[in-house]
């Protein structure tokens, strides 16, 4: 992201907020900019009335996500159960994308606090809608939810392999990482 902006890490003062307090730091004027989640931190800052300039990191670094992670041994032993889980999850995602209130109702059944009052309910629905947007990249819009953006995975994998302190392995390929045979 810095490189795309013509900056080096030495051009900025980096402050870590390990407990997800970056939105509050921005609201409180402790920092000039933050990285955060489009379906959380951005909504918090907007709700606080900040005038924001938003740069989506995915434009510079299209990281892969969301996904299901499993070992080859588990996939081999539980292939049909995993396929069934993926199928019902994608079905639920499609239903929620068509009617975000369904997702909020399901969340509220487990965590009633997300609809504690009208303001909280509205904020939770905004999070649900923003989360749906995160699910829906160009590949998913063209091929449906669950479609895997192989190019995005390749870019993400290449980037992680280039960052020495992230433990990336440049010899790992996209084919080593994903198994599209599990999709419905």
N, C-alpha and C. Protein backbone atom coordinates (compact mmCIF):
# COMPACT_ATOMS: atom_id res chain seq x y z
N UNK A 1 0.84 -1.18 0.00
CA UNK A 1 0.00 0.00 0.00
C UNK A 1 0.88 1.24 0.00
N UNK A 2 1.88 1.25 0.88
CA UNK A 2 2.79 2.40 0.91
C UNK A 2 3.49 2.57 -0.43
N UNK A 3 3.95 1.47 -0.98
CA UNK A 3 4.66 1.50 -2.26
C UNK A 3 3.76 2.11 -3.35
N UNK A 4 2.49 1.73 -3.37
CA UNK A 4 1.56 2.28 -4.37
C UNK A 4 1.37 3.78 -4.19
N UNK A 5 1.55 4.27 -2.98
CA UNK A 5 1.42 5.70 -2.71
C UNK A 5 2.74 6.44 -2.87
N UNK A 6 3.80 5.71 -3.29
CA UNK A 6 5.11 6.33 -3.46
C UNK A 6 5.82 6.58 -2.15
N UNK A 7 5.47 5.82 -1.12
CA UNK A 7 6.05 6.01 0.21
C UNK A 7 6.85 4.78 0.64
N UNK A 8 7.73 5.01 1.58
CA UNK A 8 8.46 3.94 2.26
C UNK A 8 8.00 3.93 3.71
N UNK A 9 8.25 2.84 4.40
CA UNK A 9 7.86 2.78 5.81
C UNK A 9 8.55 3.88 6.61
N UNK A 10 9.76 4.28 6.20
CA UNK A 10 10.48 5.35 6.90
C UNK A 10 9.81 6.72 6.74
N UNK A 11 8.88 6.84 5.78
CA UNK A 11 8.17 8.10 5.56
C UNK A 11 7.02 8.32 6.53
N UNK A 12 6.68 7.31 7.28
CA UNK A 12 5.53 7.41 8.18
C UNK A 12 5.94 7.02 9.59
N UNK A 13 5.13 7.40 10.55
CA UNK A 13 5.30 6.93 11.92
C UNK A 13 4.21 5.90 12.16
N UNK A 14 4.62 4.67 12.34
CA UNK A 14 3.68 3.56 12.46
C UNK A 14 3.37 3.30 13.93
N UNK A 15 2.10 3.30 14.26
CA UNK A 15 1.64 3.04 15.62
C UNK A 15 0.75 1.81 15.59
N UNK A 16 1.09 0.81 16.38
CA UNK A 16 0.32 -0.43 16.40
C UNK A 16 -0.82 -0.34 17.41
N UNK A 17 -1.97 -0.83 17.00
CA UNK A 17 -3.14 -0.93 17.86
C UNK A 17 -3.60 -2.38 17.84
N UNK A 18 -2.95 -3.22 18.65
CA UNK A 18 -3.20 -4.66 18.56
C UNK A 18 -4.58 -5.12 19.04
N UNK A 19 -5.28 -4.30 19.78
CA UNK A 19 -6.58 -4.72 20.31
C UNK A 19 -7.73 -4.07 19.55
N UNK A 20 -7.52 -3.83 18.26
CA UNK A 20 -8.56 -3.28 17.39
C UNK A 20 -9.07 -1.93 17.85
N UNK A 21 -8.18 -1.10 18.37
CA UNK A 21 -8.56 0.24 18.82
C UNK A 21 -8.24 1.32 17.81
N UNK A 22 -7.91 0.93 16.57
CA UNK A 22 -7.47 1.92 15.59
C UNK A 22 -8.57 2.93 15.22
N UNK A 23 -9.80 2.50 15.14
CA UNK A 23 -10.88 3.44 14.81
C UNK A 23 -11.03 4.49 15.91
N UNK A 24 -10.95 4.07 17.16
CA UNK A 24 -11.05 5.02 18.27
C UNK A 24 -9.85 5.96 18.28
N UNK A 25 -8.67 5.47 17.89
CA UNK A 25 -7.50 6.33 17.81
C UNK A 25 -7.70 7.41 16.75
N UNK A 26 -8.31 7.05 15.63
CA UNK A 26 -8.59 8.02 14.57
C UNK A 26 -9.63 9.03 15.05
N UNK A 27 -10.69 8.54 15.66
CA UNK A 27 -11.76 9.41 16.16
C UNK A 27 -11.21 10.37 17.21
N UNK A 28 -10.32 9.87 18.07
CA UNK A 28 -9.74 10.68 19.14
C UNK A 28 -8.60 11.58 18.70
N UNK A 29 -8.24 11.54 17.42
CA UNK A 29 -7.18 12.40 16.92
C UNK A 29 -5.78 11.96 17.30
N UNK A 30 -5.62 10.73 17.76
CA UNK A 30 -4.30 10.23 18.13
C UNK A 30 -3.45 9.88 16.91
N UNK A 31 -4.10 9.62 15.78
CA UNK A 31 -3.40 9.26 14.55
C UNK A 31 -4.07 9.98 13.37
N UNK A 32 -3.36 10.07 12.27
CA UNK A 32 -3.88 10.72 11.07
C UNK A 32 -4.60 9.76 10.14
N UNK A 33 -4.24 8.50 10.21
CA UNK A 33 -4.82 7.49 9.31
C UNK A 33 -4.73 6.13 9.98
N UNK A 34 -5.58 5.23 9.57
CA UNK A 34 -5.56 3.87 10.11
C UNK A 34 -5.83 2.87 9.00
N UNK A 35 -5.42 1.65 9.26
CA UNK A 35 -5.90 0.54 8.45
C UNK A 35 -6.95 -0.16 9.29
N UNK A 36 -7.95 -0.66 8.64
CA UNK A 36 -9.01 -1.33 9.37
C UNK A 36 -9.90 -2.10 8.43
N UNK A 37 -10.97 -2.59 8.96
CA UNK A 37 -11.90 -3.41 8.20
C UNK A 37 -13.05 -2.55 7.68
N UNK A 38 -13.37 -2.74 6.40
CA UNK A 38 -14.45 -1.98 5.77
C UNK A 38 -15.79 -2.25 6.43
N UNK A 39 -15.93 -3.42 7.05
CA UNK A 39 -17.21 -3.76 7.67
C UNK A 39 -17.19 -3.53 9.18
N UNK A 40 -16.22 -2.75 9.66
CA UNK A 40 -16.19 -2.44 11.09
C UNK A 40 -15.60 -1.05 11.32
N UNK A 41 -14.28 -0.93 11.20
CA UNK A 41 -13.61 0.33 11.53
C UNK A 41 -14.13 1.49 10.70
N UNK A 42 -14.34 1.27 9.41
CA UNK A 42 -14.86 2.33 8.54
C UNK A 42 -16.24 2.79 9.02
N UNK A 43 -17.08 1.83 9.38
CA UNK A 43 -18.43 2.18 9.85
C UNK A 43 -18.38 2.95 11.17
N UNK A 44 -17.47 2.56 12.05
CA UNK A 44 -17.33 3.26 13.34
C UNK A 44 -16.90 4.70 13.11
N UNK A 45 -15.92 4.90 12.24
CA UNK A 45 -15.43 6.26 11.96
C UNK A 45 -16.50 7.10 11.28
N UNK A 46 -17.24 6.51 10.35
CA UNK A 46 -18.33 7.24 9.69
C UNK A 46 -19.42 7.62 10.70
N UNK A 47 -19.75 6.68 11.59
CA UNK A 47 -20.79 6.95 12.59
C UNK A 47 -20.36 8.07 13.54
N UNK A 48 -19.05 8.23 13.72
CA UNK A 48 -18.55 9.30 14.59
C UNK A 48 -18.55 10.65 13.87
N UNK A 49 -18.92 10.64 12.58
CA UNK A 49 -19.02 11.88 11.84
C UNK A 49 -17.73 12.37 11.21
N UNK A 50 -16.72 11.52 11.15
CA UNK A 50 -15.46 11.95 10.54
C UNK A 50 -15.61 12.10 9.03
N UNK A 51 -14.95 13.12 8.49
CA UNK A 51 -14.88 13.31 7.04
C UNK A 51 -13.70 12.46 6.57
N UNK A 52 -13.98 11.38 5.87
CA UNK A 52 -12.96 10.38 5.56
C UNK A 52 -12.59 10.37 4.08
N UNK A 53 -11.33 10.09 3.84
CA UNK A 53 -10.85 9.70 2.52
C UNK A 53 -10.50 8.23 2.65
N UNK A 54 -11.16 7.39 1.88
CA UNK A 54 -11.00 5.95 2.05
C UNK A 54 -10.24 5.37 0.87
N UNK A 55 -9.22 4.62 1.17
CA UNK A 55 -8.46 3.87 0.18
C UNK A 55 -8.61 2.40 0.54
N UNK A 56 -9.18 1.63 -0.34
CA UNK A 56 -9.37 0.21 -0.07
C UNK A 56 -8.07 -0.53 -0.36
N UNK A 57 -7.52 -1.14 0.67
CA UNK A 57 -6.25 -1.84 0.52
C UNK A 57 -6.31 -2.90 -0.56
N UNK A 58 -7.48 -3.46 -0.78
CA UNK A 58 -7.61 -4.51 -1.79
C UNK A 58 -7.27 -3.99 -3.18
N UNK A 59 -7.31 -2.68 -3.38
CA UNK A 59 -6.93 -2.12 -4.68
C UNK A 59 -5.43 -2.28 -4.91
N UNK A 60 -4.64 -2.24 -3.84
CA UNK A 60 -3.19 -2.39 -3.96
C UNK A 60 -2.73 -3.80 -3.67
N UNK A 61 -3.41 -4.46 -2.78
CA UNK A 61 -3.01 -5.81 -2.35
C UNK A 61 -4.26 -6.66 -2.21
N UNK A 62 -4.73 -7.28 -3.29
CA UNK A 62 -5.98 -8.05 -3.23
C UNK A 62 -5.81 -9.36 -2.47
N UNK A 63 -5.79 -9.25 -1.16
CA UNK A 63 -5.60 -10.44 -0.34
C UNK A 63 -6.79 -11.38 -0.45
N UNK A 64 -6.47 -12.64 -0.41
CA UNK A 64 -7.51 -13.67 -0.45
C UNK A 64 -8.28 -13.67 0.87
N UNK A 65 -9.53 -14.02 0.80
CA UNK A 65 -10.34 -14.14 1.99
C UNK A 65 -11.77 -14.29 1.57
N UNK A 66 -12.73 -14.41 2.37
CA UNK A 66 -12.78 -15.33 3.50
C UNK A 66 -12.70 -16.77 3.00
N UNK A 67 -12.28 -17.66 3.82
CA UNK A 67 -12.12 -19.03 3.37
C UNK A 67 -12.23 -20.02 4.51
N UNK A 68 -12.15 -21.25 4.14
CA UNK A 68 -12.18 -22.36 5.10
C UNK A 68 -10.82 -23.03 5.03
N UNK A 69 -10.18 -23.19 6.15
CA UNK A 69 -8.84 -23.76 6.20
C UNK A 69 -8.91 -25.14 6.85
N UNK A 70 -8.26 -26.10 6.22
CA UNK A 70 -8.23 -27.45 6.76
C UNK A 70 -6.96 -28.15 6.29
N UNK A 71 -6.56 -29.16 7.02
CA UNK A 71 -5.39 -29.94 6.63
C UNK A 71 -5.77 -30.94 5.54
N UNK A 72 -4.80 -31.36 4.73
CA UNK A 72 -5.09 -32.39 3.72
C UNK A 72 -5.67 -33.67 4.34
N UNK A 73 -5.20 -34.01 5.53
CA UNK A 73 -5.69 -35.22 6.19
C UNK A 73 -7.18 -35.09 6.55
N UNK A 74 -7.56 -33.94 7.07
CA UNK A 74 -8.97 -33.73 7.42
C UNK A 74 -9.83 -33.71 6.18
N UNK A 75 -9.36 -33.05 5.13
CA UNK A 75 -10.12 -33.03 3.88
C UNK A 75 -10.33 -34.44 3.36
N UNK A 76 -9.30 -35.24 3.41
CA UNK A 76 -9.40 -36.62 2.93
C UNK A 76 -10.39 -37.42 3.77
N UNK A 77 -10.32 -37.27 5.08
CA UNK A 77 -11.16 -38.06 5.98
C UNK A 77 -12.61 -37.56 6.03
N UNK A 78 -12.83 -36.27 5.79
CA UNK A 78 -14.17 -35.70 5.99
C UNK A 78 -14.64 -34.91 4.77
N UNK A 79 -14.22 -35.32 3.60
CA UNK A 79 -14.52 -34.59 2.37
C UNK A 79 -16.00 -34.27 2.21
N UNK A 80 -16.87 -35.26 2.35
CA UNK A 80 -18.30 -35.02 2.12
C UNK A 80 -18.91 -34.10 3.17
N UNK A 81 -18.47 -34.22 4.41
CA UNK A 81 -18.97 -33.32 5.46
C UNK A 81 -18.53 -31.89 5.18
N UNK A 82 -17.29 -31.72 4.74
CA UNK A 82 -16.79 -30.38 4.41
C UNK A 82 -17.55 -29.80 3.22
N UNK A 83 -17.78 -30.62 2.20
CA UNK A 83 -18.54 -30.17 1.03
C UNK A 83 -19.95 -29.73 1.46
N UNK A 84 -20.58 -30.50 2.34
CA UNK A 84 -21.92 -30.16 2.82
C UNK A 84 -21.89 -28.84 3.60
N UNK A 85 -20.89 -28.68 4.44
CA UNK A 85 -20.74 -27.43 5.21
C UNK A 85 -20.59 -26.24 4.26
N UNK A 86 -19.74 -26.38 3.27
CA UNK A 86 -19.53 -25.29 2.30
C UNK A 86 -20.83 -24.99 1.56
N UNK A 87 -21.54 -26.03 1.14
CA UNK A 87 -22.79 -25.85 0.40
C UNK A 87 -23.81 -25.06 1.22
N UNK A 88 -24.02 -25.46 2.49
CA UNK A 88 -25.03 -24.76 3.30
C UNK A 88 -24.56 -23.36 3.68
N UNK A 89 -23.26 -23.19 3.85
CA UNK A 89 -22.73 -21.86 4.16
C UNK A 89 -22.95 -20.92 2.98
N UNK A 90 -22.64 -21.38 1.77
CA UNK A 90 -22.85 -20.54 0.59
C UNK A 90 -24.33 -20.25 0.37
N UNK A 91 -25.18 -21.23 0.66
CA UNK A 91 -26.62 -21.02 0.54
C UNK A 91 -27.06 -19.93 1.53
N UNK A 92 -26.57 -20.00 2.76
CA UNK A 92 -26.91 -18.99 3.76
C UNK A 92 -26.39 -17.62 3.33
N UNK A 93 -25.19 -17.57 2.79
CA UNK A 93 -24.62 -16.31 2.33
C UNK A 93 -25.47 -15.70 1.22
N UNK A 94 -25.95 -16.53 0.30
CA UNK A 94 -26.79 -16.04 -0.79
C UNK A 94 -28.12 -15.50 -0.25
N UNK A 95 -28.70 -16.21 0.71
CA UNK A 95 -29.95 -15.74 1.31
C UNK A 95 -29.74 -14.41 2.05
N UNK A 96 -28.63 -14.32 2.77
CA UNK A 96 -28.33 -13.10 3.52
C UNK A 96 -28.02 -11.95 2.57
N UNK A 97 -27.31 -12.23 1.48
CA UNK A 97 -27.03 -11.18 0.49
C UNK A 97 -28.32 -10.62 -0.09
N UNK A 98 -29.30 -11.49 -0.30
CA UNK A 98 -30.60 -11.06 -0.83
C UNK A 98 -31.44 -10.33 0.21
N UNK A 99 -31.23 -10.67 1.50
CA UNK A 99 -32.01 -10.07 2.58
C UNK A 99 -31.13 -9.97 3.82
N UNK A 100 -30.35 -8.89 3.95
CA UNK A 100 -29.42 -8.76 5.08
C UNK A 100 -30.07 -8.91 6.45
N UNK A 101 -31.35 -8.60 6.57
CA UNK A 101 -32.03 -8.74 7.86
C UNK A 101 -32.00 -10.18 8.34
N UNK A 102 -32.02 -11.15 7.41
CA UNK A 102 -31.92 -12.57 7.81
C UNK A 102 -30.63 -12.84 8.57
N UNK A 103 -29.53 -12.27 8.09
CA UNK A 103 -28.25 -12.44 8.77
C UNK A 103 -28.24 -11.81 10.14
N UNK A 104 -28.82 -10.62 10.23
CA UNK A 104 -28.90 -9.96 11.52
C UNK A 104 -29.77 -10.74 12.49
N UNK A 105 -30.89 -11.26 12.00
CA UNK A 105 -31.77 -12.07 12.86
C UNK A 105 -31.05 -13.32 13.36
N UNK A 106 -30.28 -13.96 12.49
CA UNK A 106 -29.53 -15.16 12.89
C UNK A 106 -28.47 -14.80 13.93
N UNK A 107 -27.78 -13.68 13.71
CA UNK A 107 -26.77 -13.24 14.68
C UNK A 107 -27.42 -12.91 16.02
N UNK A 108 -28.57 -12.25 15.98
CA UNK A 108 -29.27 -11.86 17.20
C UNK A 108 -29.75 -13.06 18.00
N UNK A 109 -30.03 -14.16 17.32
CA UNK A 109 -30.47 -15.37 18.03
C UNK A 109 -29.35 -15.92 18.92
N UNK A 110 -28.11 -15.63 18.55
CA UNK A 110 -26.95 -16.12 19.31
C UNK A 110 -26.38 -15.01 20.19
N UNK A 111 -26.38 -13.79 19.68
CA UNK A 111 -25.82 -12.64 20.39
C UNK A 111 -26.89 -11.54 20.42
N UNK A 112 -27.82 -11.61 21.37
CA UNK A 112 -28.93 -10.66 21.40
C UNK A 112 -28.49 -9.19 21.49
N UNK A 113 -27.29 -8.95 21.99
CA UNK A 113 -26.81 -7.58 22.14
C UNK A 113 -26.71 -6.84 20.81
N UNK A 114 -26.62 -7.56 19.68
CA UNK A 114 -26.49 -6.87 18.39
C UNK A 114 -27.76 -6.14 17.98
N UNK A 115 -28.86 -6.42 18.69
CA UNK A 115 -30.13 -5.72 18.43
C UNK A 115 -30.71 -5.18 19.73
N UNK A 116 -29.83 -4.78 20.65
CA UNK A 116 -30.26 -4.35 21.99
C UNK A 116 -31.21 -3.16 21.94
N UNK A 117 -31.04 -2.28 20.98
CA UNK A 117 -31.91 -1.12 20.83
C UNK A 117 -31.89 -0.72 19.35
N UNK A 118 -32.69 0.26 19.00
CA UNK A 118 -32.82 0.65 17.59
C UNK A 118 -31.49 1.10 16.99
N UNK A 119 -30.72 1.88 17.74
CA UNK A 119 -29.43 2.38 17.23
C UNK A 119 -28.45 1.23 17.02
N UNK A 120 -28.37 0.33 17.98
CA UNK A 120 -27.47 -0.82 17.86
C UNK A 120 -27.91 -1.72 16.72
N UNK A 121 -29.19 -1.92 16.59
CA UNK A 121 -29.72 -2.75 15.51
C UNK A 121 -29.38 -2.16 14.14
N UNK A 122 -29.53 -0.85 14.00
CA UNK A 122 -29.20 -0.18 12.74
C UNK A 122 -27.71 -0.31 12.43
N UNK A 123 -26.88 -0.14 13.46
CA UNK A 123 -25.43 -0.28 13.28
C UNK A 123 -25.07 -1.71 12.90
N UNK A 124 -25.71 -2.67 13.54
CA UNK A 124 -25.46 -4.08 13.23
C UNK A 124 -25.89 -4.43 11.81
N UNK A 125 -27.00 -3.86 11.37
CA UNK A 125 -27.45 -4.10 9.99
C UNK A 125 -26.46 -3.48 9.00
N UNK A 126 -25.91 -2.32 9.33
CA UNK A 126 -24.89 -1.70 8.47
C UNK A 126 -23.66 -2.59 8.38
N UNK A 127 -23.25 -3.19 9.50
CA UNK A 127 -22.12 -4.13 9.50
C UNK A 127 -22.44 -5.33 8.62
N UNK A 128 -23.66 -5.85 8.72
CA UNK A 128 -24.06 -6.99 7.90
C UNK A 128 -23.97 -6.64 6.41
N UNK A 129 -24.48 -5.48 6.04
CA UNK A 129 -24.45 -5.06 4.64
C UNK A 129 -23.02 -4.86 4.15
N UNK A 130 -22.17 -4.29 4.99
CA UNK A 130 -20.77 -4.10 4.61
C UNK A 130 -20.05 -5.44 4.50
N UNK A 131 -20.43 -6.40 5.33
CA UNK A 131 -19.84 -7.73 5.27
C UNK A 131 -20.23 -8.42 3.97
N UNK A 132 -21.46 -8.26 3.56
CA UNK A 132 -21.91 -8.83 2.28
C UNK A 132 -21.06 -8.27 1.15
N UNK A 133 -20.76 -6.98 1.19
CA UNK A 133 -19.93 -6.37 0.16
C UNK A 133 -18.53 -6.99 0.14
N UNK A 134 -18.01 -7.33 1.33
CA UNK A 134 -16.69 -7.96 1.41
C UNK A 134 -16.70 -9.34 0.75
N UNK A 135 -17.81 -10.05 0.84
CA UNK A 135 -17.93 -11.37 0.21
C UNK A 135 -17.91 -11.29 -1.31
N UNK A 136 -18.27 -10.14 -1.85
CA UNK A 136 -18.65 -10.05 -3.25
C UNK A 136 -17.66 -9.27 -4.10
N UNK A 137 -16.52 -9.90 -4.40
CA UNK A 137 -15.57 -9.29 -5.32
C UNK A 137 -16.02 -9.49 -6.76
N UNK A 138 -15.21 -9.04 -7.69
CA UNK A 138 -15.56 -9.14 -9.10
C UNK A 138 -15.75 -10.59 -9.54
N UNK A 139 -14.89 -11.48 -9.06
CA UNK A 139 -15.00 -12.90 -9.44
C UNK A 139 -16.31 -13.48 -8.92
N UNK A 140 -16.67 -13.14 -7.69
CA UNK A 140 -17.91 -13.65 -7.11
C UNK A 140 -19.13 -13.05 -7.81
N UNK A 141 -19.05 -11.80 -8.21
CA UNK A 141 -20.15 -11.19 -8.94
C UNK A 141 -20.35 -11.89 -10.28
N UNK A 142 -19.24 -12.30 -10.91
CA UNK A 142 -19.32 -12.96 -12.22
C UNK A 142 -19.68 -14.44 -12.12
N UNK A 143 -19.16 -15.11 -11.06
CA UNK A 143 -19.29 -16.57 -10.99
C UNK A 143 -20.09 -17.07 -9.79
N UNK A 144 -20.49 -16.18 -8.90
CA UNK A 144 -21.27 -16.57 -7.73
C UNK A 144 -20.44 -16.65 -6.47
N UNK A 145 -21.13 -16.53 -5.33
CA UNK A 145 -20.44 -16.64 -4.04
C UNK A 145 -19.74 -17.98 -3.95
N UNK A 146 -18.55 -17.96 -3.38
CA UNK A 146 -17.76 -19.18 -3.28
C UNK A 146 -16.74 -19.31 -4.38
N UNK A 147 -16.92 -18.57 -5.48
CA UNK A 147 -15.93 -18.62 -6.56
C UNK A 147 -14.59 -18.14 -6.03
N UNK A 148 -13.54 -18.81 -6.41
CA UNK A 148 -12.21 -18.49 -5.91
C UNK A 148 -11.48 -17.62 -6.92
N UNK A 149 -10.97 -16.51 -6.44
CA UNK A 149 -10.21 -15.57 -7.26
C UNK A 149 -8.76 -16.04 -7.29
N UNK A 150 -8.44 -16.89 -8.24
CA UNK A 150 -7.09 -17.47 -8.32
C UNK A 150 -6.03 -16.38 -8.51
N UNK A 151 -6.34 -15.36 -9.30
CA UNK A 151 -5.37 -14.28 -9.50
C UNK A 151 -5.13 -13.53 -8.19
N UNK A 152 -6.20 -13.27 -7.44
CA UNK A 152 -6.06 -12.62 -6.14
C UNK A 152 -5.22 -13.45 -5.18
N UNK A 153 -5.44 -14.77 -5.20
CA UNK A 153 -4.63 -15.66 -4.38
C UNK A 153 -3.17 -15.60 -4.80
N UNK A 154 -2.90 -15.57 -6.10
CA UNK A 154 -1.52 -15.52 -6.59
C UNK A 154 -0.84 -14.23 -6.15
N UNK A 155 -1.53 -13.10 -6.26
CA UNK A 155 -0.97 -11.81 -5.85
C UNK A 155 -0.72 -11.81 -4.34
N UNK A 156 -1.69 -12.28 -3.58
CA UNK A 156 -1.56 -12.34 -2.13
C UNK A 156 -0.39 -13.24 -1.72
N UNK A 157 -0.33 -14.41 -2.34
CA UNK A 157 0.72 -15.37 -2.03
C UNK A 157 2.10 -14.80 -2.39
N UNK A 158 2.20 -14.14 -3.52
CA UNK A 158 3.47 -13.54 -3.94
C UNK A 158 3.89 -12.45 -2.96
N UNK A 159 2.94 -11.62 -2.55
CA UNK A 159 3.25 -10.57 -1.60
C UNK A 159 3.74 -11.15 -0.28
N UNK A 160 3.01 -12.12 0.26
CA UNK A 160 3.41 -12.71 1.55
C UNK A 160 4.78 -13.38 1.44
N UNK A 161 5.06 -13.98 0.29
CA UNK A 161 6.37 -14.59 0.08
C UNK A 161 7.49 -13.57 0.02
N UNK A 162 7.16 -12.32 -0.31
CA UNK A 162 8.18 -11.27 -0.43
C UNK A 162 8.44 -10.55 0.89
N UNK A 163 7.62 -10.78 1.89
CA UNK A 163 7.77 -10.09 3.17
C UNK A 163 8.52 -11.03 4.12
N UNK A 164 9.77 -10.70 4.35
CA UNK A 164 10.65 -11.63 5.06
C UNK A 164 10.17 -11.99 6.46
N UNK A 165 9.57 -11.07 7.19
CA UNK A 165 9.20 -11.38 8.57
C UNK A 165 7.79 -11.96 8.70
N UNK A 166 7.14 -12.32 7.60
CA UNK A 166 5.80 -12.89 7.65
C UNK A 166 5.78 -14.41 7.49
N UNK A 167 6.93 -15.01 7.31
CA UNK A 167 6.99 -16.47 7.20
C UNK A 167 6.44 -17.01 5.90
N UNK A 168 6.33 -16.16 4.89
CA UNK A 168 5.84 -16.61 3.59
C UNK A 168 6.83 -17.55 2.92
N UNK A 169 6.31 -18.43 2.11
CA UNK A 169 7.14 -19.39 1.39
C UNK A 169 6.92 -19.18 -0.10
N UNK A 170 7.89 -18.54 -0.80
CA UNK A 170 7.69 -18.23 -2.21
C UNK A 170 7.51 -19.46 -3.11
N UNK A 171 7.87 -20.64 -2.62
CA UNK A 171 7.73 -21.83 -3.46
C UNK A 171 6.30 -22.40 -3.42
N UNK A 172 5.46 -21.92 -2.51
CA UNK A 172 4.08 -22.39 -2.42
C UNK A 172 3.27 -21.76 -3.56
N UNK A 173 2.51 -22.59 -4.26
CA UNK A 173 1.70 -22.10 -5.38
C UNK A 173 0.23 -22.03 -4.98
N UNK A 174 -0.55 -21.37 -5.81
CA UNK A 174 -1.99 -21.30 -5.59
C UNK A 174 -2.58 -22.70 -5.55
N UNK A 175 -2.12 -23.58 -6.42
CA UNK A 175 -2.63 -24.95 -6.43
C UNK A 175 -2.33 -25.69 -5.13
N UNK A 176 -1.25 -25.29 -4.44
CA UNK A 176 -0.94 -25.89 -3.14
C UNK A 176 -1.90 -25.41 -2.06
N UNK A 177 -2.53 -24.27 -2.28
CA UNK A 177 -3.32 -23.62 -1.25
C UNK A 177 -4.82 -23.87 -1.33
N UNK A 178 -5.34 -24.08 -2.52
CA UNK A 178 -6.80 -24.15 -2.66
C UNK A 178 -7.24 -25.48 -3.26
N UNK A 179 -8.45 -25.87 -2.93
CA UNK A 179 -9.05 -27.09 -3.46
C UNK A 179 -10.47 -26.76 -3.91
N UNK A 180 -10.62 -26.43 -5.18
CA UNK A 180 -11.93 -26.05 -5.70
C UNK A 180 -12.87 -27.24 -5.85
N UNK A 181 -12.36 -28.45 -5.69
CA UNK A 181 -13.23 -29.62 -5.81
C UNK A 181 -14.21 -29.72 -4.65
N UNK A 182 -14.00 -28.93 -3.60
CA UNK A 182 -14.90 -28.94 -2.45
C UNK A 182 -16.12 -28.05 -2.67
N UNK A 183 -16.06 -27.21 -3.69
CA UNK A 183 -17.19 -26.31 -3.96
C UNK A 183 -18.35 -27.06 -4.59
N UNK A 184 -19.57 -26.60 -4.31
CA UNK A 184 -20.74 -27.28 -4.90
C UNK A 184 -20.79 -27.11 -6.42
